[in-house]
Amino acid sequence: MSSIERIVLVRHGETVGQSSIRYYGATDVALSGLGADQAAAAASAIARVSGSVAFDCVVASPLQRAWRSATIIAPQSRVRLEAGFREIDFGHWEGLTREEIEARDPEAYAQWQREGIEFDFPGGERRNDFRARVVEGLERVMTLPVRSVLLVAHKGIVRTVAERLSGETLGSEHPELGAVYEVARQGAADWKLDRLPD
């Protein structure tokens, strides 16, 4: 059984080019000034609940918006990059807003609205492949001989890890940029998911 008892999950902050409205998945866009502020606010939220932002291990996506957020949240820690925690590749839709997608590709957009999380992005990574990759990354993290982990990544990764451990489903709008969640072990196989207050 894994020795990990607590994983704090943080979605990276806003980026140059506005990840809040644009679908940047595989594109390695930089963290913006606002994003750095959101990461600092996440650190404050963690410290208010936990008393500190000290973790046995800090893990992040290799995309700079995530690992830079991690260095802001836990500046004294070495960040371990996990390739499995890269965001999904949105394919032909990379960098577009929802409105731009609907205007340029109305048939695929309508299909996306019907199928939701089962939809595969045109020219992008298949959802099943994405989920399998994230789960493999989580399995590697769970073998680490530590008790607490800070994991800073992307919307799809935070959702997948939280849901995989807790069995709870996050709303489609969650997590927002800079949002902080905690999954804590409640027993041998049970995990409780909580959102930390801003």
N, C-alpha and C. Protein backbone atom coordinates (compact mmCIF):
# COMPACT_ATOMS: atom_id res chain seq x y z
N MET A 1 0.84 -1.20 0.00
CA MET A 1 0.00 0.00 0.00
C MET A 1 0.88 1.25 0.00
N SER A 2 0.41 2.28 -0.66
CA SER A 2 1.15 3.53 -0.72
C SER A 2 1.25 4.18 0.66
N SER A 3 2.38 4.84 0.91
CA SER A 3 2.55 5.56 2.18
C SER A 3 1.92 6.94 2.14
N ILE A 4 1.46 7.38 0.98
CA ILE A 4 0.91 8.74 0.85
C ILE A 4 -0.43 8.85 1.57
N GLU A 5 -0.55 9.90 2.39
CA GLU A 5 -1.77 10.13 3.15
C GLU A 5 -2.52 11.37 2.68
N ARG A 6 -1.83 12.25 1.95
CA ARG A 6 -2.45 13.53 1.58
C ARG A 6 -1.83 14.04 0.29
N ILE A 7 -2.70 14.42 -0.65
CA ILE A 7 -2.25 15.04 -1.89
C ILE A 7 -3.02 16.35 -2.05
N VAL A 8 -2.29 17.43 -2.17
CA VAL A 8 -2.91 18.73 -2.46
C VAL A 8 -2.76 18.98 -3.95
N LEU A 9 -3.89 19.21 -4.59
CA LEU A 9 -3.95 19.40 -6.04
C LEU A 9 -4.21 20.86 -6.35
N VAL A 10 -3.38 21.45 -7.21
CA VAL A 10 -3.55 22.85 -7.58
C VAL A 10 -3.54 22.95 -9.10
N ARG A 11 -4.52 23.66 -9.64
CA ARG A 11 -4.47 23.99 -11.06
C ARG A 11 -3.60 25.23 -11.21
N HIS A 12 -2.73 25.22 -12.20
CA HIS A 12 -1.83 26.36 -12.45
C HIS A 12 -2.62 27.67 -12.59
N GLY A 13 -1.90 28.78 -12.52
CA GLY A 13 -2.52 30.09 -12.68
C GLY A 13 -2.70 30.49 -14.15
N GLU A 14 -3.26 31.67 -14.33
CA GLU A 14 -3.52 32.21 -15.67
C GLU A 14 -2.23 32.32 -16.47
N THR A 15 -2.36 32.25 -17.78
CA THR A 15 -1.19 32.29 -18.65
C THR A 15 -1.20 33.51 -19.56
N VAL A 16 -0.05 33.74 -20.15
CA VAL A 16 0.03 34.66 -21.28
C VAL A 16 -0.84 34.03 -22.37
N GLY A 17 -1.75 34.80 -22.93
CA GLY A 17 -2.66 34.24 -23.93
C GLY A 17 -3.98 33.76 -23.35
N GLN A 18 -4.12 33.84 -22.04
CA GLN A 18 -5.39 33.59 -21.34
C GLN A 18 -5.92 32.16 -21.42
N SER A 19 -5.36 31.29 -20.62
CA SER A 19 -5.88 29.93 -20.50
C SER A 19 -7.29 29.92 -19.92
N SER A 20 -7.70 31.00 -19.30
CA SER A 20 -9.05 31.07 -18.74
C SER A 20 -10.10 31.02 -19.84
N ILE A 21 -9.76 31.43 -21.06
CA ILE A 21 -10.74 31.40 -22.16
C ILE A 21 -10.25 30.63 -23.38
N ARG A 22 -8.96 30.30 -23.43
CA ARG A 22 -8.41 29.60 -24.60
C ARG A 22 -8.00 28.18 -24.25
N TYR A 23 -8.17 27.29 -25.20
CA TYR A 23 -7.86 25.88 -25.00
C TYR A 23 -6.40 25.61 -25.32
N TYR A 24 -5.55 25.91 -24.34
CA TYR A 24 -4.14 25.57 -24.44
C TYR A 24 -3.94 24.26 -23.69
N GLY A 25 -3.68 23.22 -24.42
CA GLY A 25 -3.43 21.93 -23.79
C GLY A 25 -1.96 21.61 -23.88
N ALA A 26 -1.54 21.10 -25.06
CA ALA A 26 -0.14 20.73 -25.28
C ALA A 26 0.75 21.95 -25.49
N THR A 27 0.16 23.10 -25.81
CA THR A 27 0.95 24.31 -26.06
C THR A 27 1.58 24.78 -24.76
N ASP A 28 2.88 25.04 -24.80
CA ASP A 28 3.61 25.41 -23.58
C ASP A 28 3.64 26.92 -23.41
N VAL A 29 2.51 27.47 -22.98
CA VAL A 29 2.41 28.92 -22.78
C VAL A 29 2.91 29.29 -21.39
N ALA A 30 3.44 30.51 -21.28
CA ALA A 30 4.04 30.97 -20.03
C ALA A 30 2.99 31.42 -19.02
N LEU A 31 3.35 31.34 -17.76
CA LEU A 31 2.53 31.88 -16.69
C LEU A 31 2.54 33.40 -16.78
N SER A 32 1.39 34.03 -16.61
CA SER A 32 1.31 35.50 -16.64
C SER A 32 1.51 36.07 -15.24
N GLY A 33 1.55 37.39 -15.15
CA GLY A 33 1.64 38.05 -13.84
C GLY A 33 0.44 37.70 -12.98
N LEU A 34 -0.75 37.70 -13.57
CA LEU A 34 -1.95 37.31 -12.84
C LEU A 34 -1.83 35.86 -12.37
N GLY A 35 -1.29 35.01 -13.25
CA GLY A 35 -1.12 33.61 -12.88
C GLY A 35 -0.17 33.43 -11.70
N ALA A 36 0.90 34.22 -11.67
CA ALA A 36 1.83 34.17 -10.54
C ALA A 36 1.11 34.60 -9.26
N ASP A 37 0.25 35.62 -9.36
CA ASP A 37 -0.54 36.05 -8.19
C ASP A 37 -1.49 34.96 -7.73
N GLN A 38 -2.10 34.25 -8.68
CA GLN A 38 -3.01 33.16 -8.33
C GLN A 38 -2.27 32.02 -7.64
N ALA A 39 -1.05 31.73 -8.11
CA ALA A 39 -0.24 30.69 -7.45
C ALA A 39 0.12 31.12 -6.03
N ALA A 40 0.46 32.39 -5.85
CA ALA A 40 0.76 32.89 -4.51
C ALA A 40 -0.46 32.81 -3.61
N ALA A 41 -1.63 33.10 -4.17
CA ALA A 41 -2.88 32.99 -3.40
C ALA A 41 -3.15 31.54 -3.03
N ALA A 42 -2.83 30.61 -3.92
CA ALA A 42 -2.99 29.18 -3.60
C ALA A 42 -2.08 28.80 -2.44
N ALA A 43 -0.85 29.31 -2.45
CA ALA A 43 0.07 29.04 -1.34
C ALA A 43 -0.50 29.56 -0.03
N SER A 44 -1.10 30.74 -0.06
CA SER A 44 -1.70 31.31 1.15
C SER A 44 -2.87 30.46 1.64
N ALA A 45 -3.69 29.98 0.70
CA ALA A 45 -4.83 29.14 1.08
C ALA A 45 -4.35 27.84 1.72
N ILE A 46 -3.30 27.24 1.16
CA ILE A 46 -2.75 26.00 1.73
C ILE A 46 -2.19 26.27 3.13
N ALA A 47 -1.48 27.36 3.29
CA ALA A 47 -0.88 27.69 4.59
C ALA A 47 -1.95 27.95 5.65
N ARG A 48 -3.06 28.59 5.25
CA ARG A 48 -4.14 28.86 6.21
C ARG A 48 -4.74 27.57 6.75
N VAL A 49 -4.88 26.59 5.88
CA VAL A 49 -5.50 25.32 6.28
C VAL A 49 -4.49 24.40 6.97
N SER A 50 -3.26 24.35 6.44
CA SER A 50 -2.27 23.38 6.91
C SER A 50 -1.25 23.94 7.88
N GLY A 51 -1.14 25.26 7.94
CA GLY A 51 -0.13 25.87 8.79
C GLY A 51 1.18 26.13 8.07
N SER A 52 1.38 25.48 6.91
CA SER A 52 2.58 25.71 6.10
C SER A 52 2.35 25.17 4.70
N VAL A 53 3.31 25.41 3.81
CA VAL A 53 3.25 24.81 2.48
C VAL A 53 4.40 23.81 2.32
N ALA A 54 4.74 23.14 3.42
CA ALA A 54 5.80 22.13 3.39
C ALA A 54 5.20 20.79 3.00
N PHE A 55 5.79 20.18 1.98
CA PHE A 55 5.37 18.86 1.51
C PHE A 55 6.59 17.96 1.40
N ASP A 56 6.36 16.67 1.53
CA ASP A 56 7.45 15.72 1.35
C ASP A 56 7.92 15.68 -0.09
N CYS A 57 7.00 15.97 -1.02
CA CYS A 57 7.33 15.91 -2.44
C CYS A 57 6.45 16.89 -3.21
N VAL A 58 7.03 17.57 -4.18
CA VAL A 58 6.28 18.47 -5.05
C VAL A 58 6.41 17.93 -6.47
N VAL A 59 5.26 17.70 -7.10
CA VAL A 59 5.20 17.12 -8.44
C VAL A 59 4.45 18.09 -9.34
N ALA A 60 4.91 18.24 -10.58
CA ALA A 60 4.23 19.15 -11.51
C ALA A 60 4.30 18.60 -12.93
N SER A 61 3.41 19.11 -13.74
CA SER A 61 3.47 18.89 -15.19
C SER A 61 4.75 19.53 -15.70
N PRO A 62 5.34 18.99 -16.78
CA PRO A 62 6.53 19.61 -17.35
C PRO A 62 6.25 20.88 -18.14
N LEU A 63 4.98 21.24 -18.33
CA LEU A 63 4.66 22.49 -19.01
C LEU A 63 4.88 23.65 -18.04
N GLN A 64 5.49 24.73 -18.55
CA GLN A 64 5.98 25.79 -17.67
C GLN A 64 4.90 26.47 -16.84
N ARG A 65 3.68 26.55 -17.32
CA ARG A 65 2.64 27.20 -16.51
C ARG A 65 2.38 26.44 -15.22
N ALA A 66 2.62 25.12 -15.24
CA ALA A 66 2.42 24.31 -14.04
C ALA A 66 3.65 24.32 -13.14
N TRP A 67 4.82 24.01 -13.71
CA TRP A 67 5.98 23.93 -12.81
C TRP A 67 6.38 25.29 -12.25
N ARG A 68 6.13 26.37 -13.02
CA ARG A 68 6.41 27.69 -12.46
C ARG A 68 5.44 28.00 -11.33
N SER A 69 4.18 27.62 -11.48
CA SER A 69 3.22 27.78 -10.37
C SER A 69 3.70 27.02 -9.15
N ALA A 70 4.21 25.80 -9.37
CA ALA A 70 4.70 24.98 -8.25
C ALA A 70 5.86 25.67 -7.53
N THR A 71 6.77 26.30 -8.27
CA THR A 71 7.91 26.96 -7.63
C THR A 71 7.48 28.18 -6.82
N ILE A 72 6.35 28.79 -7.21
CA ILE A 72 5.82 29.92 -6.44
C ILE A 72 5.15 29.42 -5.16
N ILE A 73 4.42 28.31 -5.28
CA ILE A 73 3.69 27.78 -4.13
C ILE A 73 4.65 27.20 -3.09
N ALA A 74 5.65 26.48 -3.56
CA ALA A 74 6.60 25.82 -2.65
C ALA A 74 8.02 26.17 -3.06
N PRO A 75 8.45 27.40 -2.81
CA PRO A 75 9.74 27.87 -3.34
C PRO A 75 10.96 27.16 -2.76
N GLN A 76 10.83 26.53 -1.62
CA GLN A 76 11.98 25.85 -1.01
C GLN A 76 12.12 24.40 -1.46
N SER A 77 11.19 23.94 -2.28
CA SER A 77 11.16 22.53 -2.66
C SER A 77 11.68 22.30 -4.07
N ARG A 78 12.27 21.13 -4.28
CA ARG A 78 12.63 20.71 -5.63
C ARG A 78 11.37 20.18 -6.30
N VAL A 79 11.13 20.58 -7.54
CA VAL A 79 9.92 20.16 -8.25
C VAL A 79 10.26 18.95 -9.13
N ARG A 80 9.53 17.89 -8.90
CA ARG A 80 9.68 16.66 -9.70
C ARG A 80 8.70 16.76 -10.88
N LEU A 81 9.20 16.69 -12.11
CA LEU A 81 8.35 16.79 -13.29
C LEU A 81 7.84 15.40 -13.68
N GLU A 82 6.52 15.33 -13.92
CA GLU A 82 5.89 14.06 -14.29
C GLU A 82 5.27 14.22 -15.67
N ALA A 83 5.85 13.54 -16.67
CA ALA A 83 5.39 13.66 -18.06
C ALA A 83 3.93 13.25 -18.22
N GLY A 84 3.47 12.32 -17.39
CA GLY A 84 2.08 11.88 -17.48
C GLY A 84 1.08 12.95 -17.13
N PHE A 85 1.53 14.04 -16.52
CA PHE A 85 0.62 15.10 -16.08
C PHE A 85 0.56 16.29 -17.03
N ARG A 86 1.05 16.13 -18.28
CA ARG A 86 0.82 17.17 -19.29
C ARG A 86 -0.67 17.23 -19.59
N GLU A 87 -1.16 18.41 -19.95
CA GLU A 87 -2.58 18.55 -20.29
C GLU A 87 -2.86 17.84 -21.61
N ILE A 88 -4.12 17.54 -21.85
CA ILE A 88 -4.54 16.89 -23.09
C ILE A 88 -4.22 17.80 -24.28
N ASP A 89 -3.92 17.18 -25.42
CA ASP A 89 -3.68 17.93 -26.66
C ASP A 89 -5.03 18.17 -27.33
N PHE A 90 -5.40 19.44 -27.47
CA PHE A 90 -6.69 19.79 -28.09
C PHE A 90 -6.63 19.77 -29.62
N GLY A 91 -5.52 19.36 -30.18
CA GLY A 91 -5.42 19.17 -31.62
C GLY A 91 -5.65 20.44 -32.40
N HIS A 92 -6.57 20.38 -33.37
CA HIS A 92 -6.86 21.53 -34.25
C HIS A 92 -7.44 22.71 -33.47
N TRP A 93 -7.86 22.46 -32.25
CA TRP A 93 -8.49 23.52 -31.45
C TRP A 93 -7.52 24.20 -30.48
N GLU A 94 -6.28 23.79 -30.49
CA GLU A 94 -5.29 24.40 -29.59
C GLU A 94 -5.26 25.92 -29.75
N GLY A 95 -5.39 26.64 -28.62
CA GLY A 95 -5.29 28.09 -28.61
C GLY A 95 -6.56 28.83 -28.95
N LEU A 96 -7.63 28.12 -29.29
CA LEU A 96 -8.89 28.77 -29.67
C LEU A 96 -9.79 28.95 -28.45
N THR A 97 -10.68 29.93 -28.54
CA THR A 97 -11.73 30.08 -27.54
C THR A 97 -12.91 29.20 -27.94
N ARG A 98 -13.83 29.01 -27.02
CA ARG A 98 -15.05 28.24 -27.30
C ARG A 98 -15.81 28.86 -28.48
N GLU A 99 -15.88 30.19 -28.50
CA GLU A 99 -16.60 30.88 -29.57
C GLU A 99 -15.91 30.69 -30.92
N GLU A 100 -14.59 30.70 -30.91
CA GLU A 100 -13.85 30.48 -32.15
C GLU A 100 -14.02 29.05 -32.66
N ILE A 101 -14.05 28.11 -31.75
CA ILE A 101 -14.26 26.71 -32.13
C ILE A 101 -15.64 26.55 -32.77
N GLU A 102 -16.65 27.12 -32.13
CA GLU A 102 -18.01 27.01 -32.66
C GLU A 102 -18.13 27.62 -34.05
N ALA A 103 -17.47 28.78 -34.26
CA ALA A 103 -17.54 29.45 -35.56
C ALA A 103 -16.77 28.70 -36.64
N ARG A 104 -15.62 28.13 -36.30
CA ARG A 104 -14.78 27.47 -37.30
C ARG A 104 -15.15 26.02 -37.58
N ASP A 105 -15.72 25.36 -36.59
CA ASP A 105 -15.97 23.92 -36.70
C ASP A 105 -17.32 23.58 -36.07
N PRO A 106 -18.42 24.12 -36.63
CA PRO A 106 -19.73 24.00 -35.96
C PRO A 106 -20.22 22.57 -35.79
N GLU A 107 -19.95 21.69 -36.74
CA GLU A 107 -20.42 20.31 -36.61
C GLU A 107 -19.70 19.58 -35.48
N ALA A 108 -18.38 19.71 -35.44
CA ALA A 108 -17.62 19.06 -34.36
C ALA A 108 -17.95 19.70 -33.02
N TYR A 109 -18.17 21.01 -33.01
CA TYR A 109 -18.55 21.70 -31.78
C TYR A 109 -19.86 21.13 -31.23
N ALA A 110 -20.85 20.96 -32.12
CA ALA A 110 -22.15 20.41 -31.69
C ALA A 110 -21.99 18.99 -31.15
N GLN A 111 -21.13 18.21 -31.80
CA GLN A 111 -20.86 16.85 -31.32
C GLN A 111 -20.22 16.89 -29.93
N TRP A 112 -19.29 17.81 -29.73
CA TRP A 112 -18.64 17.99 -28.43
C TRP A 112 -19.65 18.30 -27.35
N GLN A 113 -20.62 19.17 -27.67
CA GLN A 113 -21.64 19.54 -26.69
C GLN A 113 -22.53 18.34 -26.35
N ARG A 114 -22.76 17.48 -27.32
CA ARG A 114 -23.58 16.29 -27.08
C ARG A 114 -22.83 15.24 -26.26
N GLU A 115 -21.56 15.02 -26.60
CA GLU A 115 -20.80 13.91 -26.01
C GLU A 115 -20.07 14.27 -24.73
N GLY A 116 -19.79 15.55 -24.51
CA GLY A 116 -19.12 15.97 -23.28
C GLY A 116 -17.76 15.32 -23.12
N ILE A 117 -17.51 14.71 -21.96
CA ILE A 117 -16.18 14.20 -21.64
C ILE A 117 -15.80 12.97 -22.45
N GLU A 118 -16.70 12.44 -23.25
CA GLU A 118 -16.36 11.29 -24.11
C GLU A 118 -15.89 11.73 -25.49
N PHE A 119 -15.96 13.03 -25.77
CA PHE A 119 -15.60 13.56 -27.09
C PHE A 119 -14.08 13.58 -27.27
N ASP A 120 -13.63 13.14 -28.45
CA ASP A 120 -12.21 13.20 -28.79
C ASP A 120 -11.96 14.44 -29.65
N PHE A 121 -11.02 15.29 -29.24
CA PHE A 121 -10.76 16.53 -29.95
C PHE A 121 -10.15 16.27 -31.33
N PRO A 122 -10.65 16.94 -32.37
CA PRO A 122 -10.15 16.70 -33.73
C PRO A 122 -8.64 16.92 -33.83
N GLY A 123 -7.94 15.89 -34.28
CA GLY A 123 -6.50 16.00 -34.43
C GLY A 123 -5.73 15.97 -33.12
N GLY A 124 -6.45 15.73 -32.01
CA GLY A 124 -5.81 15.78 -30.69
C GLY A 124 -5.64 14.40 -30.08
N GLU A 125 -5.35 14.41 -28.80
CA GLU A 125 -5.15 13.17 -28.05
C GLU A 125 -6.49 12.54 -27.71
N ARG A 126 -6.58 11.24 -27.90
CA ARG A 126 -7.83 10.55 -27.55
C ARG A 126 -8.04 10.59 -26.03
N ARG A 127 -9.28 10.79 -25.60
CA ARG A 127 -9.58 10.90 -24.17
C ARG A 127 -9.11 9.68 -23.38
N ASN A 128 -9.36 8.50 -23.94
CA ASN A 128 -8.96 7.28 -23.22
C ASN A 128 -7.44 7.21 -23.05
N ASP A 129 -6.72 7.65 -24.08
CA ASP A 129 -5.25 7.67 -23.99
C ASP A 129 -4.80 8.68 -22.94
N PHE A 130 -5.47 9.83 -22.91
CA PHE A 130 -5.15 10.86 -21.92
C PHE A 130 -5.36 10.33 -20.51
N ARG A 131 -6.53 9.76 -20.26
CA ARG A 131 -6.83 9.24 -18.92
C ARG A 131 -5.83 8.17 -18.50
N ALA A 132 -5.50 7.28 -19.44
CA ALA A 132 -4.54 6.21 -19.12
C ALA A 132 -3.18 6.80 -18.78
N ARG A 133 -2.77 7.82 -19.50
CA ARG A 133 -1.48 8.48 -19.24
C ARG A 133 -1.46 9.12 -17.86
N VAL A 134 -2.55 9.80 -17.50
CA VAL A 134 -2.62 10.46 -16.19
C VAL A 134 -2.62 9.41 -15.07
N VAL A 135 -3.37 8.34 -15.25
CA VAL A 135 -3.41 7.29 -14.23
C VAL A 135 -2.04 6.65 -14.06
N GLU A 136 -1.32 6.44 -15.16
CA GLU A 136 0.05 5.90 -15.06
C GLU A 136 0.95 6.86 -14.28
N GLY A 137 0.80 8.17 -14.53
CA GLY A 137 1.56 9.15 -13.77
C GLY A 137 1.22 9.11 -12.30
N LEU A 138 -0.08 9.00 -11.99
CA LEU A 138 -0.51 8.92 -10.60
C LEU A 138 0.05 7.66 -9.94
N GLU A 139 0.05 6.56 -10.65
CA GLU A 139 0.59 5.33 -10.08
C GLU A 139 2.08 5.48 -9.75
N ARG A 140 2.82 6.19 -10.61
CA ARG A 140 4.23 6.43 -10.31
C ARG A 140 4.38 7.28 -9.04
N VAL A 141 3.53 8.31 -8.92
CA VAL A 141 3.58 9.17 -7.73
C VAL A 141 3.25 8.36 -6.48
N MET A 142 2.26 7.48 -6.58
CA MET A 142 1.82 6.73 -5.40
C MET A 142 2.87 5.74 -4.90
N THR A 143 3.89 5.45 -5.70
CA THR A 143 4.96 4.56 -5.24
C THR A 143 6.05 5.30 -4.46
N LEU A 144 5.99 6.64 -4.46
CA LEU A 144 7.02 7.41 -3.77
C LEU A 144 6.94 7.18 -2.26
N PRO A 145 8.07 7.07 -1.59
CA PRO A 145 8.08 6.80 -0.14
C PRO A 145 7.88 8.08 0.68
N VAL A 146 6.74 8.72 0.49
CA VAL A 146 6.45 9.99 1.16
C VAL A 146 5.03 9.94 1.72
N ARG A 147 4.71 10.92 2.57
CA ARG A 147 3.36 10.97 3.14
C ARG A 147 2.51 12.09 2.55
N SER A 148 3.16 13.20 2.13
CA SER A 148 2.39 14.33 1.60
C SER A 148 2.97 14.78 0.27
N VAL A 149 2.05 15.12 -0.65
CA VAL A 149 2.45 15.52 -2.00
C VAL A 149 1.68 16.77 -2.41
N LEU A 150 2.40 17.71 -3.00
CA LEU A 150 1.78 18.83 -3.70
C LEU A 150 1.87 18.51 -5.18
N LEU A 151 0.73 18.52 -5.85
CA LEU A 151 0.69 18.21 -7.28
C LEU A 151 0.10 19.43 -8.00
N VAL A 152 0.90 20.05 -8.86
CA VAL A 152 0.46 21.25 -9.60
C VAL A 152 0.41 20.90 -11.07
N ALA A 153 -0.78 21.02 -11.64
CA ALA A 153 -0.94 20.61 -13.03
C ALA A 153 -2.07 21.39 -13.68
N HIS A 154 -2.82 20.72 -14.53
CA HIS A 154 -3.82 21.34 -15.40
C HIS A 154 -5.21 20.86 -15.02
N LYS A 155 -6.21 21.51 -15.60
CA LYS A 155 -7.59 21.19 -15.27
C LYS A 155 -7.88 19.69 -15.42
N GLY A 156 -7.53 19.14 -16.59
CA GLY A 156 -7.83 17.73 -16.84
C GLY A 156 -7.12 16.79 -15.90
N ILE A 157 -5.92 17.14 -15.50
CA ILE A 157 -5.15 16.28 -14.59
C ILE A 157 -5.72 16.34 -13.19
N VAL A 158 -6.00 17.55 -12.70
CA VAL A 158 -6.58 17.70 -11.36
C VAL A 158 -7.89 16.94 -11.27
N ARG A 159 -8.74 17.09 -12.30
CA ARG A 159 -10.03 16.38 -12.31
C ARG A 159 -9.82 14.87 -12.28
N THR A 160 -8.93 14.38 -13.14
CA THR A 160 -8.72 12.93 -13.25
C THR A 160 -8.17 12.35 -11.95
N VAL A 161 -7.18 13.00 -11.36
CA VAL A 161 -6.59 12.50 -10.12
C VAL A 161 -7.60 12.55 -8.98
N ALA A 162 -8.30 13.68 -8.84
CA ALA A 162 -9.29 13.82 -7.77
C ALA A 162 -10.39 12.76 -7.89
N GLU A 163 -10.88 12.57 -9.10
CA GLU A 163 -11.95 11.62 -9.32
C GLU A 163 -11.47 10.18 -9.15
N ARG A 164 -10.26 9.90 -9.61
CA ARG A 164 -9.71 8.55 -9.50
C ARG A 164 -9.56 8.14 -8.03
N LEU A 165 -9.07 9.04 -7.19
CA LEU A 165 -8.84 8.70 -5.79
C LEU A 165 -10.12 8.72 -4.97
N SER A 166 -10.95 9.76 -5.16
CA SER A 166 -12.11 9.95 -4.28
C SER A 166 -13.39 9.31 -4.80
N GLY A 167 -13.46 9.09 -6.12
CA GLY A 167 -14.70 8.60 -6.70
C GLY A 167 -15.73 9.69 -6.93
N GLU A 168 -15.41 10.92 -6.52
CA GLU A 168 -16.32 12.04 -6.72
C GLU A 168 -16.06 12.69 -8.08
N THR A 169 -17.11 13.25 -8.68
CA THR A 169 -16.99 13.91 -9.97
C THR A 169 -17.07 15.42 -9.77
N LEU A 170 -16.07 16.12 -10.27
CA LEU A 170 -16.09 17.58 -10.20
C LEU A 170 -16.98 18.13 -11.31
N GLY A 171 -17.63 19.27 -11.05
CA GLY A 171 -18.42 19.93 -12.08
C GLY A 171 -17.55 20.31 -13.26
N SER A 172 -18.15 20.42 -14.44
CA SER A 172 -17.38 20.65 -15.67
C SER A 172 -16.59 21.96 -15.64
N GLU A 173 -17.02 22.93 -14.83
CA GLU A 173 -16.32 24.21 -14.75
C GLU A 173 -15.14 24.18 -13.76
N HIS A 174 -14.99 23.09 -13.05
CA HIS A 174 -13.95 22.98 -12.03
C HIS A 174 -12.80 22.09 -12.49
N PRO A 175 -11.59 22.34 -11.99
CA PRO A 175 -11.18 23.43 -11.11
C PRO A 175 -10.87 24.70 -11.90
N GLU A 176 -11.12 25.83 -11.29
CA GLU A 176 -10.75 27.11 -11.89
C GLU A 176 -9.23 27.30 -11.76
N LEU A 177 -8.71 28.27 -12.50
CA LEU A 177 -7.29 28.57 -12.41
C LEU A 177 -6.91 28.93 -10.98
N GLY A 178 -5.85 28.31 -10.47
CA GLY A 178 -5.38 28.60 -9.12
C GLY A 178 -6.16 27.90 -8.01
N ALA A 179 -7.19 27.10 -8.35
CA ALA A 179 -7.99 26.42 -7.34
C ALA A 179 -7.18 25.33 -6.64
N VAL A 180 -7.50 25.11 -5.36
CA VAL A 180 -6.78 24.14 -4.54
C VAL A 180 -7.76 23.10 -3.99
N TYR A 181 -7.42 21.84 -4.19
CA TYR A 181 -8.19 20.72 -3.65
C TYR A 181 -7.25 19.84 -2.83
N GLU A 182 -7.84 19.10 -1.90
CA GLU A 182 -7.07 18.16 -1.10
C GLU A 182 -7.76 16.81 -1.14
N VAL A 183 -6.99 15.77 -1.39
CA VAL A 183 -7.50 14.41 -1.21
C VAL A 183 -6.70 13.80 -0.07
N ALA A 184 -7.42 13.35 0.94
CA ALA A 184 -6.76 12.80 2.14
C ALA A 184 -7.27 11.38 2.39
N ARG A 185 -6.33 10.52 2.76
CA ARG A 185 -6.68 9.13 3.00
C ARG A 185 -7.56 9.02 4.25
N GLN A 186 -8.66 8.28 4.13
CA GLN A 186 -9.59 8.06 5.25
C GLN A 186 -9.52 6.64 5.78
N GLY A 187 -8.87 5.77 5.04
CA GLY A 187 -8.75 4.37 5.43
C GLY A 187 -7.79 3.71 4.46
N ALA A 188 -7.80 2.40 4.42
CA ALA A 188 -6.87 1.69 3.56
C ALA A 188 -7.05 2.06 2.09
N ALA A 189 -8.31 2.25 1.66
CA ALA A 189 -8.56 2.53 0.24
C ALA A 189 -9.48 3.72 0.01
N ASP A 190 -9.89 4.39 1.06
CA ASP A 190 -10.85 5.49 0.94
C ASP A 190 -10.15 6.84 1.02
N TRP A 191 -10.53 7.75 0.12
CA TRP A 191 -9.98 9.10 0.08
C TRP A 191 -11.12 10.10 0.12
N LYS A 192 -10.92 11.18 0.87
CA LYS A 192 -11.91 12.25 0.95
C LYS A 192 -11.41 13.46 0.19
N LEU A 193 -12.28 14.02 -0.65
CA LEU A 193 -11.94 15.19 -1.47
C LEU A 193 -12.55 16.44 -0.87
N ASP A 194 -11.75 17.49 -0.71
CA ASP A 194 -12.23 18.78 -0.22
C ASP A 194 -11.62 19.87 -1.08
N ARG A 195 -12.39 20.94 -1.27
CA ARG A 195 -11.83 22.13 -1.89
C ARG A 195 -11.40 23.07 -0.78
N LEU A 196 -10.18 23.57 -0.86
CA LEU A 196 -9.71 24.52 0.14
C LEU A 196 -10.28 25.89 -0.16
N PRO A 197 -10.72 26.61 0.87
CA PRO A 197 -11.27 27.96 0.64
C PRO A 197 -10.20 28.89 0.10
N ASP A 198 -10.61 29.82 -0.76
CA ASP A 198 -9.68 30.80 -1.36
C ASP A 198 -9.10 31.71 -0.30
